[in-house]
Amino acid sequence: MINEATLAILLVVFMMLNFVTVGYLFFVLIDKMRMSKVKSTLYITLQVISTFLVALLFYHFVISRFTDPAYLNFPNLRDYSLYYMIGWNAFFAFLALLYLLNAIAHHIYAKRRLESY
């Protein structure tokens, strides 16, 4: 059975996964694409903010309908906080997936760019 402690631990895991995927994006841009540190930092800041906004829009219009108790009708449910934890887990999991896909796309682009030289 899933309880709030399990969801809280999973939330921390998803937050760490977000840090790892952004770090992987840093590695790809600095090492594989040979960007300078300042240029890659600005580029990654733009990438992270835009990816976060895309995830936020996706959460607001798609995921929140399934995890927000305001949209759900449970007459006998006493503790709504479990559904908020599920929502946060879904948001951070989707955000980590977007960061990972972003880093993989940059990795493939860098590999193709190096092969073309």
PDB file of N, CA and C in Angstrom:
ATOM      1  N   MET A   1       0.834  -1.181   0.000  1.00  0.00           N
ATOM      2  CA  MET A   1       0.000   0.000   0.000  1.00  0.00           C
ATOM      3  C   MET A   1       0.883   1.250   0.000  1.00  0.00           C
ATOM      4  N   ILE A   2       0.501   2.210  -0.776  1.00  0.00           N
ATOM      5  CA  ILE A   2       1.256   3.451  -0.846  1.00  0.00           C
ATOM      6  C   ILE A   2       0.724   4.405   0.219  1.00  0.00           C
ATOM      7  N   ASN A   3       1.640   4.933   1.018  1.00  0.00           N
ATOM      8  CA  ASN A   3       1.237   5.938   2.000  1.00  0.00           C
ATOM      9  C   ASN A   3       2.026   7.219   1.747  1.00  0.00           C
ATOM     10  N   GLU A   4       1.830   8.208   2.590  1.00  0.00           N
ATOM     11  CA  GLU A   4       2.480   9.502   2.364  1.00  0.00           C
ATOM     12  C   GLU A   4       3.986   9.444   2.547  1.00  0.00           C
ATOM     13  N   ALA A   5       4.471   8.581   3.427  1.00  0.00           N
ATOM     14  CA  ALA A   5       5.923   8.466   3.613  1.00  0.00           C
ATOM     15  C   ALA A   5       6.586   7.941   2.347  1.00  0.00           C
ATOM     16  N   THR A   6       5.974   6.949   1.728  1.00  0.00           N
ATOM     17  CA  THR A   6       6.509   6.419   0.474  1.00  0.00           C
ATOM     18  C   THR A   6       6.509   7.493  -0.606  1.00  0.00           C
ATOM     19  N   LEU A   7       5.443   8.246  -0.676  1.00  0.00           N
ATOM     20  CA  LEU A   7       5.360   9.307  -1.681  1.00  0.00           C
ATOM     21  C   LEU A   7       6.348  10.434  -1.404  1.00  0.00           C
ATOM     22  N   ALA A   8       6.603  10.726  -0.131  1.00  0.00           N
ATOM     23  CA  ALA A   8       7.583  11.768   0.209  1.00  0.00           C
ATOM     24  C   ALA A   8       8.988  11.327  -0.177  1.00  0.00           C
ATOM     25  N   ILE A   9       9.313  10.066   0.071  1.00  0.00           N
ATOM     26  CA  ILE A   9      10.631   9.548  -0.320  1.00  0.00           C
ATOM     27  C   ILE A   9      10.759   9.546  -1.835  1.00  0.00           C
ATOM     28  N   LEU A  10       9.719   9.137  -2.519  1.00  0.00           N
ATOM     29  CA  LEU A  10       9.738   9.138  -3.977  1.00  0.00           C
ATOM     30  C   LEU A  10       9.863  10.552  -4.531  1.00  0.00           C
ATOM     31  N   LEU A  11       9.266  11.516  -3.852  1.00  0.00           N
ATOM     32  CA  LEU A  11       9.384  12.911  -4.266  1.00  0.00           C
ATOM     33  C   LEU A  11      10.833  13.383  -4.181  1.00  0.00           C
ATOM     34  N   VAL A  12      11.527  13.015  -3.121  1.00  0.00           N
ATOM     35  CA  VAL A  12      12.945  13.363  -2.989  1.00  0.00           C
ATOM     36  C   VAL A  12      13.759  12.689  -4.088  1.00  0.00           C
ATOM     37  N   VAL A  13      13.430  11.447  -4.409  1.00  0.00           N
ATOM     38  CA  VAL A  13      14.128  10.741  -5.490  1.00  0.00           C
ATOM     39  C   VAL A  13      13.918  11.463  -6.819  1.00  0.00           C
ATOM     40  N   PHE A  14      12.701  11.900  -7.083  1.00  0.00           N
ATOM     41  CA  PHE A  14      12.446  12.629  -8.329  1.00  0.00           C
ATOM     42  C   PHE A  14      13.169  13.975  -8.356  1.00  0.00           C
ATOM     43  N   MET A  15      13.275  14.643  -7.214  1.00  0.00           N
ATOM     44  CA  MET A  15      14.033  15.901  -7.166  1.00  0.00           C
ATOM     45  C   MET A  15      15.508  15.651  -7.466  1.00  0.00           C
ATOM     46  N   MET A  16      16.066  14.590  -6.894  1.00  0.00           N
ATOM     47  CA  MET A  16      17.462  14.253  -7.175  1.00  0.00           C
ATOM     48  C   MET A  16      17.637  13.865  -8.643  1.00  0.00           C
ATOM     49  N   LEU A  17      16.655  13.174  -9.202  1.00  0.00           N
ATOM     50  CA  LEU A  17      16.713  12.824 -10.616  1.00  0.00           C
ATOM     51  C   LEU A  17      16.707  14.075 -11.492  1.00  0.00           C
ATOM     52  N   ASN A  18      15.982  15.098 -11.065  1.00  0.00           N
ATOM     53  CA  ASN A  18      16.015  16.373 -11.788  1.00  0.00           C
ATOM     54  C   ASN A  18      17.404  16.985 -11.753  1.00  0.00           C
ATOM     55  N   PHE A  19      18.056  16.952 -10.587  1.00  0.00           N
ATOM     56  CA  PHE A  19      19.421  17.479 -10.487  1.00  0.00           C
ATOM     57  C   PHE A  19      20.376  16.698 -11.388  1.00  0.00           C
ATOM     58  N   VAL A  20      20.234  15.385 -11.416  1.00  0.00           N
ATOM     59  CA  VAL A  20      21.116  14.547 -12.233  1.00  0.00           C
ATOM     60  C   VAL A  20      20.910  14.834 -13.717  1.00  0.00           C
ATOM     61  N   THR A  21      19.669  14.971 -14.148  1.00  0.00           N
ATOM     62  CA  THR A  21      19.430  15.213 -15.569  1.00  0.00           C
ATOM     63  C   THR A  21      19.903  16.595 -16.006  1.00  0.00           C
ATOM     64  N   VAL A  22      19.768  17.593 -15.149  1.00  0.00           N
ATOM     65  CA  VAL A  22      20.313  18.914 -15.484  1.00  0.00           C
ATOM     66  C   VAL A  22      21.842  18.854 -15.494  1.00  0.00           C
ATOM     67  N   GLY A  23      22.431  18.103 -14.586  1.00  0.00           N
ATOM     68  CA  GLY A  23      23.883  17.904 -14.601  1.00  0.00           C
ATOM     69  C   GLY A  23      24.340  17.201 -15.864  1.00  0.00           C
ATOM     70  N   TYR A  24      23.560  16.231 -16.328  1.00  0.00           N
ATOM     71  CA  TYR A  24      23.875  15.547 -17.585  1.00  0.00           C
ATOM     72  C   TYR A  24      23.806  16.527 -18.753  1.00  0.00           C
ATOM     73  N   LEU A  25      22.841  17.430 -18.719  1.00  0.00           N
ATOM     74  CA  LEU A  25      22.751  18.450 -19.764  1.00  0.00           C
ATOM     75  C   LEU A  25      23.978  19.359 -19.732  1.00  0.00           C
ATOM     76  N   PHE A  26      24.436  19.735 -18.527  1.00  0.00           N
ATOM     77  CA  PHE A  26      25.678  20.503 -18.404  1.00  0.00           C
ATOM     78  C   PHE A  26      26.842  19.736 -19.013  1.00  0.00           C
ATOM     79  N   PHE A  27      26.950  18.444 -18.706  1.00  0.00           N
ATOM     80  CA  PHE A  27      28.038  17.622 -19.235  1.00  0.00           C
ATOM     81  C   PHE A  27      28.010  17.590 -20.755  1.00  0.00           C
ATOM     82  N   VAL A  28      26.833  17.394 -21.323  1.00  0.00           N
ATOM     83  CA  VAL A  28      26.721  17.317 -22.781  1.00  0.00           C
ATOM     84  C   VAL A  28      27.117  18.638 -23.416  1.00  0.00           C
ATOM     85  N   LEU A  29      26.656  19.747 -22.862  1.00  0.00           N
ATOM     86  CA  LEU A  29      26.935  21.036 -23.490  1.00  0.00           C
ATOM     87  C   LEU A  29      28.384  21.466 -23.320  1.00  0.00           C
ATOM     88  N   ILE A  30      28.962  21.218 -22.155  1.00  0.00           N
ATOM     89  CA  ILE A  30      30.341  21.659 -21.932  1.00  0.00           C
ATOM     90  C   ILE A  30      31.337  20.710 -22.581  1.00  0.00           C
ATOM     91  N   ASP A  31      31.134  19.401 -22.401  1.00  0.00           N
ATOM     92  CA  ASP A  31      32.126  18.440 -22.867  1.00  0.00           C
ATOM     93  C   ASP A  31      31.911  18.044 -24.324  1.00  0.00           C
ATOM     94  N   LYS A  32      30.711  17.690 -24.687  1.00  0.00           N
ATOM     95  CA  LYS A  32      30.462  17.180 -26.036  1.00  0.00           C
ATOM     96  C   LYS A  32      30.327  18.290 -27.073  1.00  0.00           C
ATOM     97  N   MET A  33      29.660  19.378 -26.715  1.00  0.00           N
ATOM     98  CA  MET A  33      29.440  20.450 -27.683  1.00  0.00           C
ATOM     99  C   MET A  33      30.495  21.543 -27.589  1.00  0.00           C
ATOM    100  N   ARG A  34      31.367  21.431 -26.618  1.00  0.00           N
ATOM    101  CA  ARG A  34      32.500  22.344 -26.452  1.00  0.00           C
ATOM    102  C   ARG A  34      32.066  23.799 -26.300  1.00  0.00           C
ATOM    103  N   MET A  35      31.031  24.027 -25.512  1.00  0.00           N
ATOM    104  CA  MET A  35      30.611  25.393 -25.210  1.00  0.00           C
ATOM    105  C   MET A  35      31.442  25.925 -24.054  1.00  0.00           C
ATOM    106  N   SER A  36      31.607  27.229 -24.015  1.00  0.00           N
ATOM    107  CA  SER A  36      32.294  27.821 -22.869  1.00  0.00           C
ATOM    108  C   SER A  36      31.385  27.749 -21.650  1.00  0.00           C
ATOM    109  N   LYS A  37      31.978  27.922 -20.474  1.00  0.00           N
ATOM    110  CA  LYS A  37      31.200  27.769 -19.240  1.00  0.00           C
ATOM    111  C   LYS A  37      30.122  28.835 -19.099  1.00  0.00           C
ATOM    112  N   VAL A  38      30.444  30.065 -19.473  1.00  0.00           N
ATOM    113  CA  VAL A  38      29.463  31.147 -19.345  1.00  0.00           C
ATOM    114  C   VAL A  38      28.333  30.956 -20.354  1.00  0.00           C
ATOM    115  N   LYS A  39      28.692  30.656 -21.594  1.00  0.00           N
ATOM    116  CA  LYS A  39      27.681  30.467 -22.627  1.00  0.00           C
ATOM    117  C   LYS A  39      26.791  29.269 -22.308  1.00  0.00           C
ATOM    118  N   SER A  40      27.395  28.171 -21.851  1.00  0.00           N
ATOM    119  CA  SER A  40      26.588  26.991 -21.526  1.00  0.00           C
ATOM    120  C   SER A  40      25.711  27.230 -20.305  1.00  0.00           C
ATOM    121  N   THR A  41      26.196  28.012 -19.335  1.00  0.00           N
ATOM    122  CA  THR A  41      25.375  28.317 -18.157  1.00  0.00           C
ATOM    123  C   THR A  41      24.146  29.126 -18.547  1.00  0.00           C
ATOM    124  N   LEU A  42      24.322  30.120 -19.395  1.00  0.00           N
ATOM    125  CA  LEU A  42      23.175  30.911 -19.857  1.00  0.00           C
ATOM    126  C   LEU A  42      22.220  30.071 -20.702  1.00  0.00           C
ATOM    127  N   TYR A  43      22.787  29.234 -21.562  1.00  0.00           N
ATOM    128  CA  TYR A  43      21.961  28.380 -22.412  1.00  0.00           C
ATOM    129  C   TYR A  43      21.171  27.375 -21.573  1.00  0.00           C
ATOM    130  N   ILE A  44      21.825  26.780 -20.586  1.00  0.00           N
ATOM    131  CA  ILE A  44      21.140  25.806 -19.736  1.00  0.00           C
ATOM    132  C   ILE A  44      20.095  26.490 -18.869  1.00  0.00           C
ATOM    133  N   THR A  45      20.370  27.700 -18.412  1.00  0.00           N
ATOM    134  CA  THR A  45      19.361  28.441 -17.649  1.00  0.00           C
ATOM    135  C   THR A  45      18.114  28.656 -18.496  1.00  0.00           C
ATOM    136  N   LEU A  46      18.300  29.032 -19.753  1.00  0.00           N
ATOM    137  CA  LEU A  46      17.170  29.195 -20.663  1.00  0.00           C
ATOM    138  C   LEU A  46      16.455  27.865 -20.893  1.00  0.00           C
ATOM    139  N   GLN A  47      17.220  26.793 -21.076  1.00  0.00           N
ATOM    140  CA  GLN A  47      16.628  25.470 -21.284  1.00  0.00           C
ATOM    141  C   GLN A  47      15.826  25.009 -20.068  1.00  0.00           C
ATOM    142  N   VAL A  48      16.386  25.209 -18.874  1.00  0.00           N
ATOM    143  CA  VAL A  48      15.724  24.758 -17.646  1.00  0.00           C
ATOM    144  C   VAL A  48      14.441  25.547 -17.406  1.00  0.00           C
ATOM    145  N   ILE A  49      14.491  26.853 -17.600  1.00  0.00           N
ATOM    146  CA  ILE A  49      13.292  27.669 -17.387  1.00  0.00           C
ATOM    147  C   ILE A  49      12.206  27.311 -18.400  1.00  0.00           C
ATOM    148  N   SER A  50      12.581  27.161 -19.658  1.00  0.00           N
ATOM    149  CA  SER A  50      11.569  26.826 -20.669  1.00  0.00           C
ATOM    150  C   SER A  50      11.010  25.420 -20.455  1.00  0.00           C
ATOM    151  N   THR A  51      11.848  24.467 -20.076  1.00  0.00           N
ATOM    152  CA  THR A  51      11.368  23.114 -19.795  1.00  0.00           C
ATOM    153  C   THR A  51      10.454  23.104 -18.578  1.00  0.00           C
ATOM    154  N   PHE A  52      10.798  23.886 -17.556  1.00  0.00           N
ATOM    155  CA  PHE A  52       9.952  23.983 -16.367  1.00  0.00           C
ATOM    156  C   PHE A  52       8.586  24.566 -16.717  1.00  0.00           C
ATOM    157  N   LEU A  53       8.570  25.585 -17.577  1.00  0.00           N
ATOM    158  CA  LEU A  53       7.295  26.188 -17.974  1.00  0.00           C
ATOM    159  C   LEU A  53       6.442  25.218 -18.788  1.00  0.00           C
ATOM    160  N   VAL A  54       7.076  24.438 -19.664  1.00  0.00           N
ATOM    161  CA  VAL A  54       6.335  23.426 -20.426  1.00  0.00           C
ATOM    162  C   VAL A  54       5.750  22.380 -19.480  1.00  0.00           C
ATOM    163  N   ALA A  55       6.545  21.934 -18.505  1.00  0.00           N
ATOM    164  CA  ALA A  55       6.052  20.950 -17.534  1.00  0.00           C
ATOM    165  C   ALA A  55       4.929  21.532 -16.685  1.00  0.00           C
ATOM    166  N   LEU A  56       5.051  22.793 -16.325  1.00  0.00           N
ATOM    167  CA  LEU A  56       4.010  23.445 -15.523  1.00  0.00           C
ATOM    168  C   LEU A  56       2.698  23.547 -16.306  1.00  0.00           C
ATOM    169  N   LEU A  57       2.783  23.914 -17.574  1.00  0.00           N
ATOM    170  CA  LEU A  57       1.578  23.974 -18.403  1.00  0.00           C
ATOM    171  C   LEU A  57       0.957  22.592 -18.582  1.00  0.00           C
ATOM    172  N   PHE A  58       1.797  21.585 -18.810  1.00  0.00           N
ATOM    173  CA  PHE A  58       1.288  20.221 -18.957  1.00  0.00           C
ATOM    174  C   PHE A  58       0.633  19.749 -17.664  1.00  0.00           C
ATOM    175  N   TYR A  59       1.252  20.076 -16.530  1.00  0.00           N
ATOM    176  CA  TYR A  59       0.666  19.699 -15.241  1.00  0.00           C
ATOM    177  C   TYR A  59      -0.675  20.398 -15.032  1.00  0.00           C
ATOM    178  N   HIS A  60      -0.719  21.668 -15.341  1.00  0.00           N
ATOM    179  CA  HIS A  60      -1.937  22.445 -15.094  1.00  0.00           C
ATOM    180  C   HIS A  60      -3.111  21.961 -15.945  1.00  0.00           C
ATOM    181  N   PHE A  61      -2.840  21.674 -17.217  1.00  0.00           N
ATOM    182  CA  PHE A  61      -3.936  21.331 -18.111  1.00  0.00           C
ATOM    183  C   PHE A  61      -4.211  19.835 -18.224  1.00  0.00           C
ATOM    184  N   VAL A  62      -3.265  18.970 -17.858  1.00  0.00           N
ATOM    185  CA  VAL A  62      -3.468  17.529 -18.042  1.00  0.00           C
ATOM    186  C   VAL A  62      -3.414  16.766 -16.722  1.00  0.00           C
ATOM    187  N   ILE A  63      -2.304  16.852 -16.009  1.00  0.00           N
ATOM    188  CA  ILE A  63      -2.091  16.001 -14.834  1.00  0.00           C
ATOM    189  C   ILE A  63      -2.959  16.411 -13.653  1.00  0.00           C
ATOM    190  N   SER A  64      -3.172  17.690 -13.457  1.00  0.00           N
ATOM    191  CA  SER A  64      -3.879  18.148 -12.251  1.00  0.00           C
ATOM    192  C   SER A  64      -5.318  17.649 -12.185  1.00  0.00           C
ATOM    193  N   ARG A  65      -5.909  17.342 -13.313  1.00  0.00           N
ATOM    194  CA  ARG A  65      -7.279  16.814 -13.296  1.00  0.00           C
ATOM    195  C   ARG A  65      -7.363  15.465 -12.599  1.00  0.00           C
ATOM    196  N   PHE A  66      -6.264  14.711 -12.645  1.00  0.00           N
ATOM    197  CA  PHE A  66      -6.267  13.379 -12.047  1.00  0.00           C
ATOM    198  C   PHE A  66      -5.720  13.358 -10.629  1.00  0.00           C
ATOM    199  N   THR A  67      -5.073  14.423 -10.199  1.00  0.00           N
ATOM    200  CA  THR A  67      -4.438  14.410  -8.879  1.00  0.00           C
ATOM    201  C   THR A  67      -4.962  15.464  -7.923  1.00  0.00           C
ATOM    202  N   ASP A  68      -5.687  16.438  -8.406  1.00  0.00           N
ATOM    203  CA  ASP A  68      -6.211  17.482  -7.530  1.00  0.00           C
ATOM    204  C   ASP A  68      -7.570  17.055  -6.989  1.00  0.00           C
ATOM    205  N   PRO A  69      -7.729  17.004  -5.669  1.00  0.00           N
ATOM    206  CA  PRO A  69      -9.008  16.556  -5.113  1.00  0.00           C
ATOM    207  C   PRO A  69     -10.175  17.477  -5.439  1.00  0.00           C
ATOM    208  N   ALA A  70      -9.909  18.703  -5.853  1.00  0.00           N
ATOM    209  CA  ALA A  70     -10.999  19.608  -6.204  1.00  0.00           C
ATOM    210  C   ALA A  70     -11.751  19.107  -7.439  1.00  0.00           C
ATOM    211  N   TYR A  71     -11.041  18.402  -8.324  1.00  0.00           N
ATOM    212  CA  TYR A  71     -11.673  17.867  -9.523  1.00  0.00           C
ATOM    213  C   TYR A  71     -12.293  16.489  -9.297  1.00  0.00           C
ATOM    214  N   LEU A  72     -11.944  15.841  -8.190  1.00  0.00           N
ATOM    215  CA  LEU A  72     -12.410  14.488  -7.916  1.00  0.00           C
ATOM    216  C   LEU A  72     -13.556  14.516  -6.916  1.00  0.00           C
ATOM    217  N   ASN A  73     -14.450  13.572  -7.030  1.00  0.00           N
ATOM    218  CA  ASN A  73     -15.598  13.520  -6.129  1.00  0.00           C
ATOM    219  C   ASN A  73     -15.473  12.289  -5.232  1.00  0.00           C
ATOM    220  N   PHE A  74     -14.964  12.490  -4.020  1.00  0.00           N
ATOM    221  CA  PHE A  74     -14.841  11.422  -3.039  1.00  0.00           C
ATOM    222  C   PHE A  74     -15.641  11.816  -1.804  1.00  0.00           C
ATOM    223  N   PRO A  75     -16.820  11.272  -1.624  1.00  0.00           N
ATOM    224  CA  PRO A  75     -17.641  11.707  -0.493  1.00  0.00           C
ATOM    225  C   PRO A  75     -17.098  11.278   0.873  1.00  0.00           C
ATOM    226  N   ASN A  76     -16.382  10.169   0.951  1.00  0.00           N
ATOM    227  CA  ASN A  76     -15.933   9.663   2.247  1.00  0.00           C
ATOM    228  C   ASN A  76     -14.425   9.789   2.459  1.00  0.00           C
ATOM    229  N   LEU A  77     -13.746  10.521   1.619  1.00  0.00           N
ATOM    230  CA  LEU A  77     -12.297  10.643   1.757  1.00  0.00           C
ATOM    231  C   LEU A  77     -11.964  11.674   2.824  1.00  0.00           C
ATOM    232  N   ARG A  78     -11.161  11.278   3.804  1.00  0.00           N
ATOM    233  CA  ARG A  78     -10.836  12.175   4.919  1.00  0.00           C
ATOM    234  C   ARG A  78      -9.560  12.972   4.686  1.00  0.00           C
ATOM    235  N   ASP A  79      -8.575  12.340   4.067  1.00  0.00           N
ATOM    236  CA  ASP A  79      -7.262  12.972   3.954  1.00  0.00           C
ATOM    237  C   ASP A  79      -6.956  13.243   2.483  1.00  0.00           C
ATOM    238  N   TYR A  80      -7.050  14.510   2.111  1.00  0.00           N
ATOM    239  CA  TYR A  80      -6.777  14.883   0.728  1.00  0.00           C
ATOM    240  C   TYR A  80      -5.289  15.039   0.429  1.00  0.00           C
ATOM    241  N   SER A  81      -4.442  15.075   1.438  1.00  0.00           N
ATOM    242  CA  SER A  81      -3.030  15.382   1.205  1.00  0.00           C
ATOM    243  C   SER A  81      -2.336  14.309   0.383  1.00  0.00           C
ATOM    244  N   LEU A  82      -2.837  13.085   0.405  1.00  0.00           N
ATOM    245  CA  LEU A  82      -2.245  12.024  -0.398  1.00  0.00           C
ATOM    246  C   LEU A  82      -2.310  12.378  -1.883  1.00  0.00           C
ATOM    247  N   TYR A  83      -3.393  12.982  -2.306  1.00  0.00           N
ATOM    248  CA  TYR A  83      -3.540  13.320  -3.721  1.00  0.00           C
ATOM    249  C   TYR A  83      -2.627  14.471  -4.127  1.00  0.00           C
ATOM    250  N   TYR A  84      -2.348  15.381  -3.216  1.00  0.00           N
ATOM    251  CA  TYR A  84      -1.375  16.431  -3.520  1.00  0.00           C
ATOM    252  C   TYR A  84       0.025  15.845  -3.661  1.00  0.00           C
ATOM    253  N   MET A  85       0.353  14.862  -2.827  1.00  0.00           N
ATOM    254  CA  MET A  85       1.660  14.206  -2.945  1.00  0.00           C
ATOM    255  C   MET A  85       1.764  13.455  -4.267  1.00  0.00           C
ATOM    256  N   ILE A  86       0.693  12.813  -4.673  1.00  0.00           N
ATOM    257  CA  ILE A  86       0.695  12.138  -5.972  1.00  0.00           C
ATOM    258  C   ILE A  86       0.879  13.166  -7.087  1.00  0.00           C
ATOM    259  N   GLY A  87       0.242  14.313  -6.953  1.00  0.00           N
ATOM    260  CA  GLY A  87       0.390  15.366  -7.959  1.00  0.00           C
ATOM    261  C   GLY A  87       1.807  15.894  -8.054  1.00  0.00           C
ATOM    262  N   TRP A  88       2.436  16.141  -6.901  1.00  0.00           N
ATOM    263  CA  TRP A  88       3.823  16.612  -6.912  1.00  0.00           C
ATOM    264  C   TRP A  88       4.751  15.554  -7.497  1.00  0.00           C
ATOM    265  N   ASN A  89       4.524  14.293  -7.169  1.00  0.00           N
ATOM    266  CA  ASN A  89       5.339  13.223  -7.738  1.00  0.00           C
ATOM    267  C   ASN A  89       5.168  13.153  -9.248  1.00  0.00           C
ATOM    268  N   ALA A  90       3.941  13.278  -9.712  1.00  0.00           N
ATOM    269  CA  ALA A  90       3.705  13.252 -11.155  1.00  0.00           C
ATOM    270  C   ALA A  90       4.377  14.440 -11.837  1.00  0.00           C
ATOM    271  N   PHE A  91       4.315  15.611 -11.211  1.00  0.00           N
ATOM    272  CA  PHE A  91       4.943  16.793 -11.798  1.00  0.00           C
ATOM    273  C   PHE A  91       6.459  16.634 -11.886  1.00  0.00           C
ATOM    274  N   PHE A  92       7.093  16.218 -10.788  1.00  0.00           N
ATOM    275  CA  PHE A  92       8.551  16.089 -10.808  1.00  0.00           C
ATOM    276  C   PHE A  92       9.010  14.931 -11.681  1.00  0.00           C
ATOM    277  N   ALA A  93       8.217  13.874 -11.788  1.00  0.00           N
ATOM    278  CA  ALA A  93       8.566  12.780 -12.696  1.00  0.00           C
ATOM    279  C   ALA A  93       8.499  13.256 -14.144  1.00  0.00           C
ATOM    280  N   PHE A  94       7.469  14.007 -14.484  1.00  0.00           N
ATOM    281  CA  PHE A  94       7.353  14.536 -15.845  1.00  0.00           C
ATOM    282  C   PHE A  94       8.455  15.552 -16.130  1.00  0.00           C
ATOM    283  N   LEU A  95       8.789  16.369 -15.150  1.00  0.00           N
ATOM    284  CA  LEU A  95       9.865  17.345 -15.319  1.00  0.00           C
ATOM    285  C   LEU A  95      11.202  16.645 -15.541  1.00  0.00           C
ATOM    286  N   ALA A  96      11.470  15.595 -14.771  1.00  0.00           N
ATOM    287  CA  ALA A  96      12.708  14.833 -14.961  1.00  0.00           C
ATOM    288  C   ALA A  96      12.739  14.178 -16.335  1.00  0.00           C
ATOM    289  N   LEU A  97      11.596  13.682 -16.788  1.00  0.00           N
ATOM    290  CA  LEU A  97      11.528  13.088 -18.117  1.00  0.00           C
ATOM    291  C   LEU A  97      11.819  14.128 -19.197  1.00  0.00           C
ATOM    292  N   LEU A  98      11.271  15.322 -19.056  1.00  0.00           N
ATOM    293  CA  LEU A  98      11.545  16.382 -20.035  1.00  0.00           C
ATOM    294  C   LEU A  98      13.013  16.787 -20.037  1.00  0.00           C
ATOM    295  N   TYR A  99      13.605  16.925 -18.845  1.00  0.00           N
ATOM    296  CA  TYR A  99      15.031  17.257 -18.774  1.00  0.00           C
ATOM    297  C   TYR A  99      15.877  16.165 -19.424  1.00  0.00           C
ATOM    298  N   LEU A 100      15.526  14.912 -19.163  1.00  0.00           N
ATOM    299  CA  LEU A 100      16.289  13.806 -19.734  1.00  0.00           C
ATOM    300  C   LEU A 100      16.154  13.777 -21.251  1.00  0.00           C
ATOM    301  N   LEU A 101      14.956  13.973 -21.765  1.00  0.00           N
ATOM    302  CA  LEU A 101      14.768  14.013 -23.216  1.00  0.00           C
ATOM    303  C   LEU A 101      15.516  15.187 -23.842  1.00  0.00           C
ATOM    304  N   ASN A 102      15.540  16.318 -23.161  1.00  0.00           N
ATOM    305  CA  ASN A 102      16.278  17.485 -23.625  1.00  0.00           C
ATOM    306  C   ASN A 102      17.776  17.179 -23.701  1.00  0.00           C
ATOM    307  N   ALA A 103      18.302  16.543 -22.665  1.00  0.00           N
ATOM    308  CA  ALA A 103      19.728  16.208 -22.647  1.00  0.00           C
ATOM    309  C   ALA A 103      20.064  15.166 -23.708  1.00  0.00           C
ATOM    310  N   ILE A 104      19.199  14.183 -23.896  1.00  0.00           N
ATOM    311  CA  ILE A 104      19.445  13.161 -24.919  1.00  0.00           C
ATOM    312  C   ILE A 104      19.405  13.781 -26.311  1.00  0.00           C
ATOM    313  N   ALA A 105      18.472  14.685 -26.550  1.00  0.00           N
ATOM    314  CA  ALA A 105      18.413  15.362 -27.850  1.00  0.00           C
ATOM    315  C   ALA A 105      19.682  16.173 -28.101  1.00  0.00           C
ATOM    316  N   HIS A 106      20.183  16.862 -27.084  1.00  0.00           N
ATOM    317  CA  HIS A 106      21.433  17.608 -27.242  1.00  0.00           C
ATOM    318  C   HIS A 106      22.616  16.661 -27.434  1.00  0.00           C
ATOM    319  N   HIS A 107      22.597  15.513 -26.780  1.00  0.00           N
ATOM    320  CA  HIS A 107      23.675  14.533 -26.938  1.00  0.00           C
ATOM    321  C   HIS A 107      23.699  13.995 -28.372  1.00  0.00           C
ATOM    322  N   ILE A 108      22.540  13.676 -28.913  1.00  0.00           N
ATOM    323  CA  ILE A 108      22.464  13.189 -30.294  1.00  0.00           C
ATOM    324  C   ILE A 108      22.908  14.278 -31.263  1.00  0.00           C
ATOM    325  N   TYR A 109      22.487  15.511 -31.019  1.00  0.00           N
ATOM    326  CA  TYR A 109      22.907  16.623 -31.872  1.00  0.00           C
ATOM    327  C   TYR A 109      24.424  16.811 -31.821  1.00  0.00           C
ATOM    328  N   ALA A 110      25.000  16.713 -30.636  1.00  0.00           N
ATOM    329  CA  ALA A 110      26.451  16.875 -30.502  1.00  0.00           C
ATOM    330  C   ALA A 110      27.193  15.755 -31.211  1.00  0.00           C
ATOM    331  N   LYS A 111      26.675  14.543 -31.114  1.00  0.00           N
ATOM    332  CA  LYS A 111      27.324  13.410 -31.778  1.00  0.00           C
ATOM    333  C   LYS A 111      27.273  13.573 -33.294  1.00  0.00           C
ATOM    334  N   ARG A 112      26.143  14.005 -33.816  1.00  0.00           N
ATOM    335  CA  ARG A 112      26.030  14.220 -35.265  1.00  0.00           C
ATOM    336  C   ARG A 112      26.905  15.378 -35.723  1.00  0.00           C
ATOM    337  N   ARG A 113      27.009  16.401 -34.894  1.00  0.00           N
ATOM    338  CA  ARG A 113      27.847  17.545 -35.248  1.00  0.00           C
ATOM    339  C   ARG A 113      29.316  17.157 -35.288  1.00  0.00           C
ATOM    340  N   LEU A 114      29.751  16.307 -34.349  1.00  0.00           N
ATOM    341  CA  LEU A 114      31.139  15.853 -34.352  1.00  0.00           C
ATOM    342  C   LEU A 114      31.423  14.925 -35.525  1.00  0.00           C
ATOM    343  N   GLU A 115      30.444  14.119 -35.924  1.00  0.00           N
ATOM    344  CA  GLU A 115      30.645  13.224 -37.061  1.00  0.00           C
ATOM    345  C   GLU A 115      30.717  13.979 -38.377  1.00  0.00           C
ATOM    346  N   SER A 116      30.081  15.134 -38.457  1.00  0.00           N
ATOM    347  CA  SER A 116      30.081  15.892 -39.706  1.00  0.00           C
ATOM    348  C   SER A 116      31.414  16.587 -39.967  1.00  0.00           C
ATOM    349  N   TYR A 117      32.244  16.752 -38.915  1.00  0.00           N
ATOM    350  CA  TYR A 117      33.544  17.405 -39.118  1.00  0.00           C
ATOM    351  C   TYR A 117      34.517  16.487 -39.760  1.00  0.00           C
TER     352      TYR A 117
END
